Amino acid sequence: MFTLLTILKNKNSLCDYIKALNANKGKSLREWLNYARSICDGLPSEENMLAQLVSEKSAKDKGLVGKIIEYGFFGQKPNSDSSPDIIALKCDIKSCAFKLFKKIGKNAKERQTLTNVGNTKNYDSFQNILDHEHFETCSYYAKSSQFLICIRDDDKKKMKTVEELMNQPMLLIVFVELETLPLEMRTIINSDYENIRQCVLEKRVSQKGQKYLHIHTHGAGHGSGNRAFGFTSSFITRVVALQLAELHQKKLEDILIESGKSISIKHEYL
């Protein structure tokens, strides 16, 4: 039996909790949440969770499923704090849908936004990037260095009712630590950061040439100057494949399907 306090304070307990949850692969989000409550003391009931998160307005919020996952599995209510979601472990919580790719595998449907970093209407707002030559030393690294990815099976329906969200299949929860990734991947991330920093220095921010870490528009409205760091869908797919390779004691190439610039994970593993 776990407690909310231990999984939020102790990395080993958190990893054991995730491992237990992952035994429910393919079951609905509601079934995962019911199981989570049965093994972890302190989580909200479904009734309480939905009362806290769902209103007439929020029922159409595309981020609602992420809020349900954060609160339902980890007791973290939505907030605008720039600190990592699990503060004691400096760990953020992300939700990602995986889609069918060419009927041969699955890959991440979208990038994962990390944190806002500035606005192109005021380049002084990017000062933290300008002040730090290396990604590891800038303040945004804390929201990027380790995180949980809660993976859902996407059904291609854009707008879902709350009931449809709760019945959406969950596939896997992955704990990602940048420092433990293969050197090649870390080198690419650092190169991406250098690319981004150079773009900021030249006041021409764009995503061009960035493979894993990129800087992208963020916020409502056409022409928004807001920019955020994000991990590309290719990066997310690859880190999930790495976790699956370790879990199944397979080589990465046994898990991944590479087709040109696109990658996906074989059906039998996800």
Protein backbone atom coordinates (compact mmCIF):
# COMPACT_ATOMS: atom_id res chain seq x y z
CA MET A 1 0.00 0.00 0.00
CA PHE A 2 1.27 3.45 -0.94
CA THR A 3 0.41 6.84 0.48
CA LEU A 4 0.20 10.12 -1.38
CA LEU A 5 2.92 11.51 0.87
CA THR A 6 5.42 8.75 0.08
CA ILE A 7 4.96 8.78 -3.70
CA LEU A 8 5.42 12.56 -3.75
CA LYS A 9 8.49 12.53 -1.52
CA ASN A 10 10.32 9.31 -2.37
CA LYS A 11 11.51 8.51 -5.90
CA ASN A 12 11.65 4.74 -5.33
CA SER A 13 8.08 4.74 -4.01
CA LEU A 14 6.94 6.79 -7.01
CA CYS A 15 8.59 4.35 -9.43
CA ASP A 16 7.06 1.34 -7.64
CA TYR A 17 3.65 3.02 -7.76
CA ILE A 18 3.99 3.64 -11.51
CA LYS A 19 5.06 0.05 -12.07
CA ALA A 20 1.94 -1.16 -10.27
CA LEU A 21 -0.29 1.15 -12.32
CA ASN A 22 1.27 -0.02 -15.58
CA ALA A 23 -0.08 -3.52 -14.99
CA ASN A 24 -3.43 -2.06 -16.14
CA LYS A 25 -2.27 -1.37 -19.71
CA GLY A 26 -5.18 -1.00 -22.12
CA LYS A 27 -7.84 -0.49 -19.45
CA SER A 28 -9.81 2.75 -19.27
CA LEU A 29 -8.65 5.85 -17.43
CA ARG A 30 -11.49 5.29 -14.96
CA GLU A 31 -10.25 1.74 -14.26
CA TRP A 32 -6.69 3.01 -13.79
CA LEU A 33 -7.93 5.65 -11.35
CA ASN A 34 -10.03 3.14 -9.41
CA TYR A 35 -6.98 0.90 -9.12
CA ALA A 36 -4.79 3.84 -8.04
CA ARG A 37 -7.20 4.62 -5.20
CA SER A 38 -7.11 0.98 -4.12
CA ILE A 39 -3.32 1.00 -3.69
CA CYS A 40 -2.60 4.60 -2.68
CA ASP A 41 -4.11 6.30 0.35
CA GLY A 42 -4.97 9.99 0.06
CA LEU A 43 -6.20 10.21 -3.53
CA PRO A 44 -9.53 11.95 -4.24
CA SER A 45 -12.67 9.97 -5.02
CA GLU A 46 -13.98 10.19 -8.58
CA GLU A 47 -16.91 12.30 -7.37
CA ASN A 48 -14.65 14.74 -5.54
CA MET A 49 -12.13 14.89 -8.38
CA LEU A 50 -14.73 15.69 -11.05
CA ALA A 51 -16.47 18.22 -8.77
CA GLN A 52 -13.14 20.03 -8.36
CA LEU A 53 -12.16 19.97 -12.04
CA VAL A 54 -15.27 19.88 -14.21
CA SER A 55 -17.63 22.74 -14.94
CA GLU A 56 -19.73 23.64 -17.98
CA LYS A 57 -16.73 25.59 -19.30
CA SER A 58 -13.97 23.14 -18.38
CA ALA A 59 -15.82 20.16 -19.88
CA LYS A 60 -14.67 21.52 -23.25
CA ASP A 61 -11.13 22.20 -22.01
CA LYS A 62 -8.70 20.17 -24.14
CA GLY A 63 -6.38 20.06 -21.13
CA LEU A 64 -9.00 18.51 -18.87
CA VAL A 65 -7.69 14.96 -19.22
CA GLY A 66 -4.25 16.14 -18.10
CA LYS A 67 -5.78 17.79 -15.04
CA ILE A 68 -7.70 14.60 -14.23
CA ILE A 69 -4.48 12.59 -14.47
CA GLU A 70 -2.51 15.01 -12.27
CA TYR A 71 -5.15 15.17 -9.56
CA GLY A 72 -6.50 11.62 -9.83
CA PHE A 73 -3.16 9.78 -9.77
CA PHE A 74 -0.94 12.23 -7.90
CA GLY A 75 -3.25 14.50 -5.89
CA GLN A 76 -1.99 17.62 -7.66
CA LYS A 77 -4.65 20.24 -8.36
CA PRO A 78 -4.19 22.55 -11.38
CA ASN A 79 -2.18 25.70 -10.67
CA SER A 80 -0.20 28.36 -12.50
CA ASP A 81 2.97 27.83 -10.45
CA SER A 82 6.09 27.58 -12.62
CA SER A 83 7.62 25.01 -10.25
CA PRO A 84 7.59 21.29 -11.20
CA ASP A 85 4.30 19.56 -10.33
CA ILE A 86 5.93 17.21 -7.81
CA ILE A 87 8.11 19.80 -6.08
CA ALA A 88 10.05 17.51 -3.72
CA LEU A 89 11.25 15.33 -6.61
CA LYS A 90 11.52 18.20 -9.13
CA CYS A 91 9.29 16.18 -11.43
CA ASP A 92 6.64 17.45 -13.84
CA ILE A 93 3.55 15.48 -14.90
CA LYS A 94 2.63 15.32 -18.60
CA SER A 95 -0.19 13.65 -20.51
CA CYS A 96 0.28 12.52 -24.10
CA ALA A 97 -1.96 10.80 -26.64
CA PHE A 98 -0.40 8.20 -28.95
CA LYS A 99 -1.96 7.70 -32.38
CA LEU A 100 -1.91 4.97 -34.99
CA PHE A 101 0.83 5.54 -37.59
CA LYS A 102 0.31 4.03 -41.06
CA LYS A 103 -1.38 0.99 -39.47
CA ILE A 104 2.02 -0.34 -38.43
CA GLY A 105 2.67 1.25 -35.05
CA LYS A 106 1.92 4.13 -32.70
CA ASN A 107 3.67 7.39 -32.00
CA ALA A 108 3.15 10.57 -30.01
CA LYS A 109 0.37 12.68 -31.44
CA GLU A 110 1.77 16.01 -30.30
CA ARG A 111 4.71 17.77 -28.71
CA GLN A 112 4.91 18.28 -24.97
CA THR A 113 4.98 21.89 -23.86
CA LEU A 114 7.35 22.43 -20.94
CA THR A 115 7.20 26.08 -19.85
CA ASN A 116 6.87 29.60 -21.21
CA VAL A 117 10.23 31.23 -21.94
CA GLY A 118 9.47 34.67 -23.39
CA ASN A 119 7.63 36.80 -25.91
CA THR A 120 8.92 37.89 -29.31
CA LYS A 121 7.29 41.29 -28.84
CA ASN A 122 9.82 41.91 -26.08
CA TYR A 123 13.13 40.10 -26.55
CA ASP A 124 14.26 41.19 -23.08
CA SER A 125 11.83 38.53 -21.81
CA PHE A 126 14.26 35.88 -23.11
CA GLN A 127 17.05 37.16 -20.86
CA ASN A 128 17.40 33.90 -18.94
CA ILE A 129 18.24 32.08 -22.17
CA LEU A 130 20.67 34.82 -23.18
CA ASP A 131 22.39 34.65 -19.79
CA HIS A 132 23.01 30.88 -19.93
CA GLU A 133 25.04 29.17 -22.63
CA HIS A 134 24.01 25.70 -21.49
CA PHE A 135 20.53 24.25 -21.07
CA GLU A 136 21.39 22.67 -17.69
CA THR A 137 22.14 26.05 -16.12
CA CYS A 138 19.09 28.00 -17.28
CA SER A 139 16.10 28.25 -14.95
CA TYR A 140 13.81 26.38 -17.37
CA TYR A 141 15.79 23.16 -17.00
CA ALA A 142 13.99 22.39 -13.73
CA LYS A 143 10.70 21.98 -15.64
CA SER A 144 12.39 19.75 -18.19
CA SER A 145 14.98 17.57 -16.49
CA GLN A 146 12.62 14.86 -15.22
CA PHE A 147 8.96 14.22 -15.79
CA LEU A 148 6.23 11.62 -15.97
CA ILE A 149 4.50 10.97 -19.29
CA CYS A 150 1.05 9.45 -18.91
CA ILE A 151 0.22 7.90 -22.28
CA ARG A 152 -3.31 7.52 -23.60
CA ASP A 153 -4.56 5.67 -26.66
CA ASP A 154 -6.02 8.30 -28.98
CA ASP A 155 -9.34 7.71 -30.73
CA LYS A 156 -9.03 10.74 -33.06
CA LYS A 157 -12.16 12.40 -31.65
CA LYS A 158 -11.22 16.01 -30.86
CA MET A 159 -13.99 17.02 -28.49
CA LYS A 160 -14.86 14.45 -25.84
CA THR A 161 -17.44 14.41 -23.09
CA VAL A 162 -16.17 13.80 -19.57
CA GLU A 163 -17.51 10.26 -19.78
CA GLU A 164 -15.60 9.66 -23.02
CA LEU A 165 -12.42 10.97 -21.40
CA MET A 166 -12.86 8.64 -18.45
CA ASN A 167 -13.34 5.68 -20.80
CA GLN A 168 -10.30 6.46 -22.94
CA PRO A 169 -7.72 3.64 -22.75
CA MET A 170 -4.51 4.29 -20.82
CA LEU A 171 -1.35 2.61 -22.08
CA LEU A 172 1.62 3.44 -19.91
CA ILE A 173 3.21 5.88 -17.48
CA VAL A 174 6.89 6.57 -18.12
CA PHE A 175 9.37 8.29 -15.80
CA VAL A 176 11.90 10.26 -17.85
CA GLU A 177 15.21 11.62 -16.55
CA LEU A 178 17.25 13.58 -19.07
CA GLU A 179 20.50 12.79 -17.26
CA THR A 180 20.01 9.05 -17.80
CA LEU A 181 19.23 9.26 -21.53
CA PRO A 182 21.80 7.99 -24.04
CA LEU A 183 24.61 10.45 -24.69
CA GLU A 184 23.52 10.88 -28.30
CA MET A 185 20.08 12.13 -27.23
CA ARG A 186 21.49 14.49 -24.60
CA THR A 187 23.92 15.89 -27.16
CA ILE A 188 21.05 16.61 -29.55
CA ILE A 189 19.09 18.40 -26.81
CA ASN A 190 22.10 20.56 -25.97
CA SER A 191 22.59 21.33 -29.65
CA ASP A 192 18.92 22.30 -29.93
CA TYR A 193 19.31 24.67 -26.98
CA GLU A 194 22.35 26.29 -28.60
CA ASN A 195 20.31 26.71 -31.79
CA ILE A 196 17.47 28.33 -29.84
CA ARG A 197 19.84 30.65 -27.97
CA GLN A 198 21.43 31.78 -31.22
CA CYS A 199 17.98 32.50 -32.66
CA VAL A 200 17.18 34.63 -29.61
CA LEU A 201 20.50 36.48 -29.90
CA GLU A 202 19.66 37.27 -33.53
CA LYS A 203 16.04 38.12 -32.64
CA ARG A 204 14.64 35.64 -35.15
CA VAL A 205 13.08 32.94 -32.98
CA SER A 206 11.91 29.87 -34.91
CA GLN A 207 11.74 26.07 -34.64
CA LYS A 208 13.96 25.51 -37.66
CA GLY A 209 16.72 22.94 -37.20
CA GLN A 210 15.60 21.74 -33.76
CA LYS A 211 15.14 17.98 -33.39
CA TYR A 212 14.15 17.19 -29.79
CA LEU A 213 13.95 20.46 -27.83
CA HIS A 214 12.28 23.31 -29.65
CA ILE A 215 10.85 26.75 -29.03
CA HIS A 216 7.28 27.12 -30.22
CA THR A 217 4.32 29.47 -30.15
CA HIS A 218 2.14 29.14 -27.10
CA GLY A 219 -1.15 30.76 -26.26
CA ALA A 220 -4.43 31.65 -27.86
CA GLY A 221 -4.83 33.99 -30.76
CA HIS A 222 -3.25 34.30 -34.18
CA GLY A 223 0.12 35.99 -34.09
CA SER A 224 0.76 35.33 -30.41
CA GLY A 225 4.28 36.36 -29.45
CA ASN A 226 4.42 33.96 -26.52
CA ARG A 227 7.05 31.25 -26.85
CA ALA A 228 7.56 28.06 -24.85
CA PHE A 229 10.06 25.24 -24.69
CA GLY A 230 8.67 21.90 -25.77
CA PHE A 231 9.84 18.37 -26.52
CA THR A 232 8.97 17.19 -30.03
CA SER A 233 6.68 14.24 -30.70
CA SER A 234 9.70 12.38 -32.08
CA PHE A 235 11.53 12.82 -28.78
CA ILE A 236 8.53 11.63 -26.77
CA THR A 237 8.12 8.56 -28.97
CA ARG A 238 11.80 7.68 -28.60
CA VAL A 239 11.94 8.02 -24.80
CA VAL A 240 8.83 5.84 -24.48
CA ALA A 241 10.49 3.27 -26.76
CA LEU A 242 13.61 3.32 -24.56
CA GLN A 243 11.47 2.56 -21.51
CA LEU A 244 9.69 -0.27 -23.33
CA ALA A 245 13.00 -1.72 -24.51
CA GLU A 246 14.20 -1.82 -20.90
CA LEU A 247 10.90 -3.24 -19.68
CA HIS A 248 10.87 -6.04 -22.26
CA GLN A 249 14.66 -6.52 -22.27
CA LYS A 250 14.82 -5.84 -25.99
CA LYS A 251 17.06 -3.74 -28.20
CA LEU A 252 15.67 -0.35 -29.15
CA GLU A 253 15.59 -1.32 -32.82
CA ASP A 254 13.29 -4.24 -31.90
CA ILE A 255 10.77 -1.75 -30.50
CA LEU A 256 10.97 1.12 -32.98
CA ILE A 257 9.89 1.35 -36.61
CA GLU A 258 11.76 4.05 -38.53
CA SER A 259 10.24 5.34 -41.76
CA GLY A 260 12.13 8.30 -43.19
CA LYS A 261 12.04 11.01 -40.53
CA SER A 262 9.11 9.37 -38.77
CA ILE A 263 9.33 6.83 -35.98
CA SER A 264 6.70 4.69 -34.29
CA ILE A 265 6.47 1.89 -31.75
CA LYS A 266 5.41 -1.59 -32.82
CA HIS A 267 1.85 -2.57 -31.88
CA GLU A 268 2.86 -5.49 -29.73
CA TYR A 269 4.74 -3.24 -27.32
CA LEU A 270 2.19 -0.44 -26.92
